[in-house]
Amino acid sequence: MVRNPKSHLISSPHNPKFKRWLGLLHSQGIRRFNQFFLYGETVVRETLVRHPTRGLELISYHGQSFSLPVPCHATLHTVKKPLFSQLDLFDTNFPLLVVQAPDWPALDLLQPPQGVELVCPLGDPTNVGALIRTCLGFGVDKLVLLQEAAHPFHPKSTRAASGAIFDQPLYRGPSLEALTNGKIARSIMALDVEGKDLSRFSWPLNVRLLVGEEGPGQPHYPFGKRLSIPMARKANSLNATVAASIALYAYRLQHPFSRSS
């Protein structure tokens, strides 16, 4: 571990390391390098303590003083404040941590669900991050991100996930159109304003639930079941993460956590 470490100063925006860091602000760069940023003192500190092998680089600005449990294998970098500001999207004014992306395997939706699986096509990275945090809280076994979904390691997503990014199991799914496959569709329960009142639904132990974007609703695929959340007539829809939270809470009322969990 290192306290108030020293490193060489990076002052040019043309520096190859700085160019790579700029790439990590976007999904394309995250996919290319299989790395992403973590922001904020609490998340950075917790990650360095709980997942020290994930930390690759710690970036601070020139003149910044800090004390962090930095692993010996991590590289320390100091940059000029204007360069740091370009990377510090949320104005945290705290060192930024570059981490190695966790495994994110593909899931075969032709296989029946095992435990609680949530299928997500959400295109807003903030919503995806909030959903990751929600899934961890309700003990979702698999969060399946369809091809239409925002990248889970986008800065806005990891910021909203607030430290849950390494604990919630994530899986890659096919495109939304692939759900037209009858066998896949029948394995899915979709949240839909036109569905059955979920407060009166008897939840199976193993369930695959599809949450959709607010507004458009779910496509007219042959899903095994459509479930709705009772709402006031003036409300057209709920935020997708809010809807997922309500559905998962309803599931947990019938299938509570075990004592060990």
C-alpha atoms as a PDB file:
ATOM      1  CA  MET A   1       0.000   0.000   0.000  1.00  0.00           C
ATOM      2  CA  VAL A   2       1.133   3.564  -0.709  1.00  0.00           C
ATOM      3  CA  ARG A   3       0.413   6.800   1.149  1.00  0.00           C
ATOM      4  CA  ASN A   4       0.514  10.123  -0.734  1.00  0.00           C
ATOM      5  CA  PRO A   5       2.404   8.521  -3.634  1.00  0.00           C
ATOM      6  CA  LYS A   6       4.445  10.403  -6.193  1.00  0.00           C
ATOM      7  CA  SER A   7       4.380   9.907  -9.928  1.00  0.00           C
ATOM      8  CA  HIS A   8       5.523  11.548 -13.131  1.00  0.00           C
ATOM      9  CA  LEU A   9       3.471  14.510 -14.341  1.00  0.00           C
ATOM     10  CA  ILE A  10       1.451  14.245 -17.573  1.00  0.00           C
ATOM     11  CA  SER A  11       0.861  17.687 -19.029  1.00  0.00           C
ATOM     12  CA  SER A  12       0.122  17.088 -22.717  1.00  0.00           C
ATOM     13  CA  PRO A  13      -3.294  16.140 -24.128  1.00  0.00           C
ATOM     14  CA  HIS A  14      -1.385  14.225 -26.809  1.00  0.00           C
ATOM     15  CA  ASN A  15       0.105  11.814 -24.293  1.00  0.00           C
ATOM     16  CA  PRO A  16      -0.878   8.237 -25.299  1.00  0.00           C
ATOM     17  CA  LYS A  17      -2.082   7.407 -21.788  1.00  0.00           C
ATOM     18  CA  PHE A  18      -4.294  10.489 -21.680  1.00  0.00           C
ATOM     19  CA  LYS A  19      -5.734   9.637 -25.093  1.00  0.00           C
ATOM     20  CA  ARG A  20      -6.592   6.157 -23.830  1.00  0.00           C
ATOM     21  CA  TRP A  21      -8.280   7.631 -20.767  1.00  0.00           C
ATOM     22  CA  LEU A  22     -10.361   9.901 -22.987  1.00  0.00           C
ATOM     23  CA  GLY A  23     -11.456   6.780 -24.848  1.00  0.00           C
ATOM     24  CA  LEU A  24     -12.724   5.268 -21.594  1.00  0.00           C
ATOM     25  CA  LEU A  25     -15.337   8.017 -21.408  1.00  0.00           C
ATOM     26  CA  HIS A  26     -17.204   6.252 -24.217  1.00  0.00           C
ATOM     27  CA  SER A  27     -18.508   2.733 -24.774  1.00  0.00           C
ATOM     28  CA  GLN A  28     -16.291   2.128 -27.807  1.00  0.00           C
ATOM     29  CA  GLY A  29     -13.112   2.793 -25.830  1.00  0.00           C
ATOM     30  CA  ILE A  30     -14.331   0.692 -22.903  1.00  0.00           C
ATOM     31  CA  ARG A  31     -14.871  -2.253 -25.256  1.00  0.00           C
ATOM     32  CA  ARG A  32     -11.498  -1.738 -26.906  1.00  0.00           C
ATOM     33  CA  PHE A  33      -9.421  -1.638 -23.726  1.00  0.00           C
ATOM     34  CA  ASN A  34     -11.693  -3.682 -21.430  1.00  0.00           C
ATOM     35  CA  GLN A  35     -11.193  -1.022 -18.769  1.00  0.00           C
ATOM     36  CA  PHE A  36     -13.382   1.692 -17.240  1.00  0.00           C
ATOM     37  CA  PHE A  37     -13.383   4.570 -14.753  1.00  0.00           C
ATOM     38  CA  LEU A  38     -14.716   4.638 -11.217  1.00  0.00           C
ATOM     39  CA  TYR A  39     -15.607   8.004  -9.694  1.00  0.00           C
ATOM     40  CA  GLY A  40     -16.138   9.283  -6.167  1.00  0.00           C
ATOM     41  CA  GLU A  41     -14.318   8.837  -2.880  1.00  0.00           C
ATOM     42  CA  THR A  42     -16.567   6.168  -1.394  1.00  0.00           C
ATOM     43  CA  VAL A  43     -16.605   3.941  -4.471  1.00  0.00           C
ATOM     44  CA  VAL A  44     -12.875   4.340  -5.145  1.00  0.00           C
ATOM     45  CA  ARG A  45     -11.940   3.543  -1.543  1.00  0.00           C
ATOM     46  CA  GLU A  46     -14.280   0.558  -1.308  1.00  0.00           C
ATOM     47  CA  THR A  47     -13.025  -0.867  -4.605  1.00  0.00           C
ATOM     48  CA  LEU A  48      -9.379  -0.579  -3.572  1.00  0.00           C
ATOM     49  CA  VAL A  49     -10.179  -2.423  -0.337  1.00  0.00           C
ATOM     50  CA  ARG A  50     -12.676  -5.039  -1.578  1.00  0.00           C
ATOM     51  CA  HIS A  51     -11.394  -5.590  -5.124  1.00  0.00           C
ATOM     52  CA  PRO A  52      -7.726  -4.519  -5.062  1.00  0.00           C
ATOM     53  CA  THR A  53      -6.710  -6.683  -8.018  1.00  0.00           C
ATOM     54  CA  ARG A  54      -9.132  -4.766 -10.255  1.00  0.00           C
ATOM     55  CA  GLY A  55      -7.372  -1.436  -9.754  1.00  0.00           C
ATOM     56  CA  LEU A  56      -4.994  -0.690 -12.620  1.00  0.00           C
ATOM     57  CA  GLU A  57      -4.287   3.036 -12.493  1.00  0.00           C
ATOM     58  CA  LEU A  58      -4.968   5.885 -10.093  1.00  0.00           C
ATOM     59  CA  ILE A  59      -5.087   9.380 -11.598  1.00  0.00           C
ATOM     60  CA  SER A  60      -4.780  12.562  -9.557  1.00  0.00           C
ATOM     61  CA  TYR A  61      -4.111  16.170 -10.532  1.00  0.00           C
ATOM     62  CA  HIS A  62      -0.910  18.093  -9.877  1.00  0.00           C
ATOM     63  CA  GLY A  63      -0.805  19.374  -6.293  1.00  0.00           C
ATOM     64  CA  GLN A  64      -3.616  17.128  -5.052  1.00  0.00           C
ATOM     65  CA  SER A  65      -3.038  15.491  -1.670  1.00  0.00           C
ATOM     66  CA  PHE A  66      -4.701  12.189  -0.767  1.00  0.00           C
ATOM     67  CA  SER A  67      -4.229   8.982   1.172  1.00  0.00           C
ATOM     68  CA  LEU A  68      -5.505   5.747  -0.344  1.00  0.00           C
ATOM     69  CA  PRO A  69      -4.762   2.019   0.060  1.00  0.00           C
ATOM     70  CA  VAL A  70      -3.227   1.720  -3.407  1.00  0.00           C
ATOM     71  CA  PRO A  71      -2.167  -1.829  -4.393  1.00  0.00           C
ATOM     72  CA  CYS A  72       1.505  -2.210  -5.275  1.00  0.00           C
ATOM     73  CA  HIS A  73       0.663  -3.369  -8.815  1.00  0.00           C
ATOM     74  CA  ALA A  74      -1.375  -0.229  -9.617  1.00  0.00           C
ATOM     75  CA  THR A  75       0.242   2.556 -11.639  1.00  0.00           C
ATOM     76  CA  LEU A  76       0.033   6.090 -10.267  1.00  0.00           C
ATOM     77  CA  HIS A  77      -0.344   9.088 -12.567  1.00  0.00           C
ATOM     78  CA  THR A  78      -0.469  12.848 -11.987  1.00  0.00           C
ATOM     79  CA  VAL A  79      -1.923  15.145 -14.644  1.00  0.00           C
ATOM     80  CA  LYS A  80      -2.372  18.872 -15.022  1.00  0.00           C
ATOM     81  CA  LYS A  81      -5.647  20.076 -13.531  1.00  0.00           C
ATOM     82  CA  PRO A  82      -7.236  21.022 -16.912  1.00  0.00           C
ATOM     83  CA  LEU A  83      -6.590  17.481 -18.166  1.00  0.00           C
ATOM     84  CA  PHE A  84      -7.971  15.999 -14.964  1.00  0.00           C
ATOM     85  CA  SER A  85     -11.122  18.089 -15.372  1.00  0.00           C
ATOM     86  CA  GLN A  86     -11.709  16.545 -18.804  1.00  0.00           C
ATOM     87  CA  LEU A  87     -11.703  13.101 -17.227  1.00  0.00           C
ATOM     88  CA  ASP A  88     -13.580  13.991 -14.033  1.00  0.00           C
ATOM     89  CA  LEU A  89     -17.032  14.059 -15.622  1.00  0.00           C
ATOM     90  CA  PHE A  90     -18.877  14.430 -12.322  1.00  0.00           C
ATOM     91  CA  ASP A  91     -16.596  17.038 -10.710  1.00  0.00           C
ATOM     92  CA  THR A  92     -15.715  14.696  -7.857  1.00  0.00           C
ATOM     93  CA  ASN A  93     -12.366  16.425  -7.317  1.00  0.00           C
ATOM     94  CA  PHE A  94     -11.071  13.061  -6.080  1.00  0.00           C
ATOM     95  CA  PRO A  95      -8.543  10.693  -7.706  1.00  0.00           C
ATOM     96  CA  LEU A  96      -9.988   8.597 -10.518  1.00  0.00           C
ATOM     97  CA  LEU A  97      -9.561   4.843 -10.597  1.00  0.00           C
ATOM     98  CA  VAL A  98      -9.103   2.889 -13.823  1.00  0.00           C
ATOM     99  CA  VAL A  99     -10.178  -0.718 -13.276  1.00  0.00           C
ATOM    100  CA  GLN A 100     -10.167  -3.978 -15.189  1.00  0.00           C
ATOM    101  CA  ALA A 101     -13.624  -4.893 -16.452  1.00  0.00           C
ATOM    102  CA  PRO A 102     -15.109  -8.045 -14.868  1.00  0.00           C
ATOM    103  CA  ASP A 103     -16.194 -11.041 -16.923  1.00  0.00           C
ATOM    104  CA  TRP A 104     -19.435 -10.508 -18.788  1.00  0.00           C
ATOM    105  CA  PRO A 105     -20.385 -13.848 -20.400  1.00  0.00           C
ATOM    106  CA  ALA A 106     -23.187 -14.495 -22.867  1.00  0.00           C
ATOM    107  CA  LEU A 107     -26.347 -16.208 -21.626  1.00  0.00           C
ATOM    108  CA  ASP A 108     -28.322 -18.673 -23.716  1.00  0.00           C
ATOM    109  CA  LEU A 109     -31.946 -17.621 -23.332  1.00  0.00           C
ATOM    110  CA  LEU A 110     -33.077 -20.879 -24.917  1.00  0.00           C
ATOM    111  CA  GLN A 111     -32.282 -22.473 -21.580  1.00  0.00           C
ATOM    112  CA  PRO A 112     -34.886 -22.138 -18.807  1.00  0.00           C
ATOM    113  CA  PRO A 113     -34.304 -19.477 -16.130  1.00  0.00           C
ATOM    114  CA  GLN A 114     -32.393 -20.368 -12.998  1.00  0.00           C
ATOM    115  CA  GLY A 115     -33.228 -18.218 -10.021  1.00  0.00           C
ATOM    116  CA  VAL A 116     -34.171 -14.603 -10.702  1.00  0.00           C
ATOM    117  CA  GLU A 117     -33.113 -13.306 -14.110  1.00  0.00           C
ATOM    118  CA  LEU A 118     -33.821  -9.751 -15.275  1.00  0.00           C
ATOM    119  CA  VAL A 119     -33.627  -8.975 -18.999  1.00  0.00           C
ATOM    120  CA  CYS A 120     -32.791  -5.377 -19.866  1.00  0.00           C
ATOM    121  CA  PRO A 121     -32.842  -3.434 -23.172  1.00  0.00           C
ATOM    122  CA  LEU A 122     -32.499   0.015 -21.505  1.00  0.00           C
ATOM    123  CA  GLY A 123     -30.527   2.466 -23.610  1.00  0.00           C
ATOM    124  CA  ASP A 124     -29.885   5.089 -20.929  1.00  0.00           C
ATOM    125  CA  PRO A 125     -26.618   4.309 -19.060  1.00  0.00           C
ATOM    126  CA  THR A 126     -27.873   6.041 -15.911  1.00  0.00           C
ATOM    127  CA  ASN A 127     -30.917   3.754 -15.863  1.00  0.00           C
ATOM    128  CA  VAL A 128     -28.711   0.715 -16.457  1.00  0.00           C
ATOM    129  CA  GLY A 129     -26.489   1.683 -13.522  1.00  0.00           C
ATOM    130  CA  ALA A 130     -29.464   2.232 -11.243  1.00  0.00           C
ATOM    131  CA  LEU A 131     -30.867  -1.130 -12.347  1.00  0.00           C
ATOM    132  CA  ILE A 132     -27.579  -2.853 -11.484  1.00  0.00           C
ATOM    133  CA  ARG A 133     -27.785  -1.425  -7.976  1.00  0.00           C
ATOM    134  CA  THR A 134     -31.450  -2.462  -7.686  1.00  0.00           C
ATOM    135  CA  CYS A 135     -30.716  -6.008  -8.853  1.00  0.00           C
ATOM    136  CA  LEU A 136     -27.992  -6.416  -6.265  1.00  0.00           C
ATOM    137  CA  GLY A 137     -30.335  -5.223  -3.541  1.00  0.00           C
ATOM    138  CA  PHE A 138     -33.054  -7.708  -4.474  1.00  0.00           C
ATOM    139  CA  GLY A 139     -30.724 -10.645  -5.032  1.00  0.00           C
ATOM    140  CA  VAL A 140     -31.111 -10.975  -8.800  1.00  0.00           C
ATOM    141  CA  ASP A 141     -29.042 -13.943  -9.933  1.00  0.00           C
ATOM    142  CA  LYS A 142     -28.472 -12.713 -13.486  1.00  0.00           C
ATOM    143  CA  LEU A 143     -28.898  -9.302 -15.084  1.00  0.00           C
ATOM    144  CA  VAL A 144     -29.036  -9.945 -18.834  1.00  0.00           C
ATOM    145  CA  LEU A 145     -28.226  -6.890 -20.951  1.00  0.00           C
ATOM    146  CA  LEU A 146     -29.607  -7.093 -24.470  1.00  0.00           C
ATOM    147  CA  GLN A 147     -27.700  -5.604 -27.393  1.00  0.00           C
ATOM    148  CA  GLU A 148     -29.887  -2.485 -27.251  1.00  0.00           C
ATOM    149  CA  ALA A 149     -28.839  -1.795 -23.651  1.00  0.00           C
ATOM    150  CA  ALA A 150     -26.287   0.850 -22.732  1.00  0.00           C
ATOM    151  CA  HIS A 151     -22.837  -0.365 -21.753  1.00  0.00           C
ATOM    152  CA  PRO A 152     -22.830  -1.242 -18.033  1.00  0.00           C
ATOM    153  CA  PHE A 153     -19.320   0.175 -17.579  1.00  0.00           C
ATOM    154  CA  HIS A 154     -20.106   3.561 -19.134  1.00  0.00           C
ATOM    155  CA  PRO A 155     -19.186   6.343 -16.651  1.00  0.00           C
ATOM    156  CA  LYS A 156     -22.833   7.293 -16.118  1.00  0.00           C
ATOM    157  CA  SER A 157     -23.709   3.670 -15.445  1.00  0.00           C
ATOM    158  CA  THR A 158     -20.917   2.965 -12.964  1.00  0.00           C
ATOM    159  CA  ARG A 159     -21.684   6.242 -11.202  1.00  0.00           C
ATOM    160  CA  ALA A 160     -25.349   5.254 -10.773  1.00  0.00           C
ATOM    161  CA  ALA A 161     -24.448   1.694  -9.778  1.00  0.00           C
ATOM    162  CA  SER A 162     -22.571   3.128  -6.788  1.00  0.00           C
ATOM    163  CA  GLY A 163     -20.181   0.267  -6.121  1.00  0.00           C
ATOM    164  CA  ALA A 164     -22.457  -2.610  -7.168  1.00  0.00           C
ATOM    165  CA  ILE A 165     -20.693  -3.141 -10.472  1.00  0.00           C
ATOM    166  CA  PHE A 166     -18.381  -5.937  -9.251  1.00  0.00           C
ATOM    167  CA  ASP A 167     -20.982  -7.744  -7.144  1.00  0.00           C
ATOM    168  CA  GLN A 168     -23.982  -8.011  -9.453  1.00  0.00           C
ATOM    169  CA  PRO A 169     -23.583 -10.857 -12.005  1.00  0.00           C
ATOM    170  CA  LEU A 170     -23.914  -9.437 -15.527  1.00  0.00           C
ATOM    171  CA  TYR A 171     -24.571 -11.352 -18.745  1.00  0.00           C
ATOM    172  CA  ARG A 172     -24.748 -10.505 -22.424  1.00  0.00           C
ATOM    173  CA  GLY A 173     -27.996 -11.205 -24.198  1.00  0.00           C
ATOM    174  CA  PRO A 174     -29.099 -11.168 -27.851  1.00  0.00           C
ATOM    175  CA  SER A 175     -31.006  -8.374 -29.532  1.00  0.00           C
ATOM    176  CA  LEU A 176     -34.570  -7.536 -28.553  1.00  0.00           C
ATOM    177  CA  GLU A 177     -35.691  -8.958 -31.883  1.00  0.00           C
ATOM    178  CA  ALA A 178     -34.314 -12.365 -30.888  1.00  0.00           C
ATOM    179  CA  LEU A 179     -37.051 -12.512 -28.271  1.00  0.00           C
ATOM    180  CA  THR A 180     -39.537 -13.173 -31.077  1.00  0.00           C
ATOM    181  CA  ASN A 181     -38.271 -16.757 -30.927  1.00  0.00           C
ATOM    182  CA  GLY A 182     -41.262 -18.589 -29.481  1.00  0.00           C
ATOM    183  CA  LYS A 183     -39.264 -20.719 -27.031  1.00  0.00           C
ATOM    184  CA  ILE A 184     -37.392 -17.690 -25.688  1.00  0.00           C
ATOM    185  CA  ALA A 185     -40.512 -15.521 -25.527  1.00  0.00           C
ATOM    186  CA  ARG A 186     -42.487 -18.134 -23.599  1.00  0.00           C
ATOM    187  CA  SER A 187     -39.764 -18.236 -20.938  1.00  0.00           C
ATOM    188  CA  ILE A 188     -40.160 -14.497 -20.297  1.00  0.00           C
ATOM    189  CA  MET A 189     -42.509 -12.530 -18.104  1.00  0.00           C
ATOM    190  CA  ALA A 190     -42.763  -8.955 -19.348  1.00  0.00           C
ATOM    191  CA  LEU A 191     -43.718  -5.874 -17.383  1.00  0.00           C
ATOM    192  CA  ASP A 192     -46.487  -4.294 -19.422  1.00  0.00           C
ATOM    193  CA  VAL A 193     -49.231  -1.793 -18.612  1.00  0.00           C
ATOM    194  CA  GLU A 194     -51.702  -4.141 -20.304  1.00  0.00           C
ATOM    195  CA  GLY A 195     -50.674  -7.186 -18.288  1.00  0.00           C
ATOM    196  CA  LYS A 196     -52.084  -8.978 -15.267  1.00  0.00           C
ATOM    197  CA  ASP A 197     -51.941  -7.190 -11.898  1.00  0.00           C
ATOM    198  CA  LEU A 198     -48.662  -8.415 -10.427  1.00  0.00           C
ATOM    199  CA  SER A 199     -49.956  -7.969  -6.862  1.00  0.00           C
ATOM    200  CA  ARG A 200     -52.265 -10.926  -7.541  1.00  0.00           C
ATOM    201  CA  PHE A 201     -49.700 -13.034  -9.349  1.00  0.00           C
ATOM    202  CA  SER A 202     -48.226 -16.248  -7.926  1.00  0.00           C
ATOM    203  CA  TRP A 203     -44.514 -15.948  -8.705  1.00  0.00           C
ATOM    204  CA  PRO A 204     -42.547 -19.067  -9.655  1.00  0.00           C
ATOM    205  CA  LEU A 205     -39.201 -19.523  -7.920  1.00  0.00           C
ATOM    206  CA  ASN A 206     -37.308 -19.432 -11.214  1.00  0.00           C
ATOM    207  CA  VAL A 207     -38.325 -16.427 -13.261  1.00  0.00           C
ATOM    208  CA  ARG A 208     -37.042 -14.442 -16.236  1.00  0.00           C
ATOM    209  CA  LEU A 209     -38.462 -10.915 -16.202  1.00  0.00           C
ATOM    210  CA  LEU A 210     -38.194  -8.362 -19.008  1.00  0.00           C
ATOM    211  CA  VAL A 211     -38.212  -4.676 -18.105  1.00  0.00           C
ATOM    212  CA  GLY A 212     -38.773  -2.185 -20.926  1.00  0.00           C
ATOM    213  CA  GLU A 213     -38.247   1.469 -21.653  1.00  0.00           C
ATOM    214  CA  GLU A 214     -40.908   3.717 -20.164  1.00  0.00           C
ATOM    215  CA  GLY A 215     -43.321   5.094 -22.724  1.00  0.00           C
ATOM    216  CA  PRO A 216     -43.203   2.667 -25.676  1.00  0.00           C
ATOM    217  CA  GLY A 217     -44.115  -0.365 -23.576  1.00  0.00           C
ATOM    218  CA  GLN A 218     -43.283  -3.943 -24.462  1.00  0.00           C
ATOM    219  CA  PRO A 219     -43.316  -5.263 -28.039  1.00  0.00           C
ATOM    220  CA  HIS A 220     -46.143  -7.581 -29.052  1.00  0.00           C
ATOM    221  CA  TYR A 221     -44.120 -10.775 -28.734  1.00  0.00           C
ATOM    222  CA  PRO A 222     -45.625 -14.070 -27.505  1.00  0.00           C
ATOM    223  CA  PHE A 223     -44.320 -13.703 -23.951  1.00  0.00           C
ATOM    224  CA  GLY A 224     -45.272 -16.359 -21.441  1.00  0.00           C
ATOM    225  CA  LYS A 225     -46.884 -13.768 -19.172  1.00  0.00           C
ATOM    226  CA  ARG A 226     -47.446 -10.023 -19.074  1.00  0.00           C
ATOM    227  CA  LEU A 227     -47.578  -8.334 -15.675  1.00  0.00           C
ATOM    228  CA  SER A 228     -48.671  -4.813 -14.837  1.00  0.00           C
ATOM    229  CA  ILE A 229     -48.157  -2.499 -11.870  1.00  0.00           C
ATOM    230  CA  PRO A 230     -51.355  -0.821 -10.614  1.00  0.00           C
ATOM    231  CA  MET A 231     -51.117   2.927 -11.283  1.00  0.00           C
ATOM    232  CA  ALA A 232     -53.327   5.992 -11.199  1.00  0.00           C
ATOM    233  CA  ARG A 233     -55.154   6.541 -14.469  1.00  0.00           C
ATOM    234  CA  LYS A 234     -53.290   9.760 -15.190  1.00  0.00           C
ATOM    235  CA  ALA A 235     -49.918   7.956 -15.143  1.00  0.00           C
ATOM    236  CA  ASN A 236     -48.870   6.439 -18.468  1.00  0.00           C
ATOM    237  CA  SER A 237     -45.775   4.648 -17.221  1.00  0.00           C
ATOM    238  CA  LEU A 238     -43.132   4.406 -14.518  1.00  0.00           C
ATOM    239  CA  ASN A 239     -39.392   4.808 -14.708  1.00  0.00           C
ATOM    240  CA  ALA A 240     -37.992   1.438 -15.763  1.00  0.00           C
ATOM    241  CA  THR A 241     -35.862   1.034 -12.650  1.00  0.00           C
ATOM    242  CA  VAL A 242     -38.786   1.932 -10.393  1.00  0.00           C
ATOM    243  CA  ALA A 243     -40.980  -0.605 -12.192  1.00  0.00           C
ATOM    244  CA  ALA A 244     -38.319  -3.298 -11.852  1.00  0.00           C
ATOM    245  CA  SER A 245     -37.941  -2.509  -8.135  1.00  0.00           C
ATOM    246  CA  ILE A 246     -41.676  -2.911  -7.531  1.00  0.00           C
ATOM    247  CA  ALA A 247     -41.779  -6.199  -9.439  1.00  0.00           C
ATOM    248  CA  LEU A 248     -38.736  -7.593  -7.624  1.00  0.00           C
ATOM    249  CA  TYR A 249     -40.206  -6.549  -4.276  1.00  0.00           C
ATOM    250  CA  ALA A 250     -43.412  -8.395  -5.147  1.00  0.00           C
ATOM    251  CA  TYR A 251     -41.336 -11.462  -6.013  1.00  0.00           C
ATOM    252  CA  ARG A 252     -39.420 -11.274  -2.715  1.00  0.00           C
ATOM    253  CA  LEU A 253     -42.635 -11.067  -0.719  1.00  0.00           C
ATOM    254  CA  GLN A 254     -43.389 -14.588  -1.927  1.00  0.00           C
ATOM    255  CA  HIS A 255     -39.778 -15.805  -2.072  1.00  0.00           C
ATOM    256  CA  PRO A 256     -37.941 -14.080   0.790  1.00  0.00           C
ATOM    257  CA  PHE A 257     -34.198 -14.275   1.282  1.00  0.00           C
ATOM    258  CA  SER A 258     -32.911 -17.242   3.225  1.00  0.00           C
ATOM    259  CA  ARG A 259     -31.278 -16.651   6.595  1.00  0.00           C
ATOM    260  CA  SER A 260     -27.835 -17.290   5.124  1.00  0.00           C
ATOM    261  CA  SER A 261     -28.306 -14.654   2.402  1.00  0.00           C
END
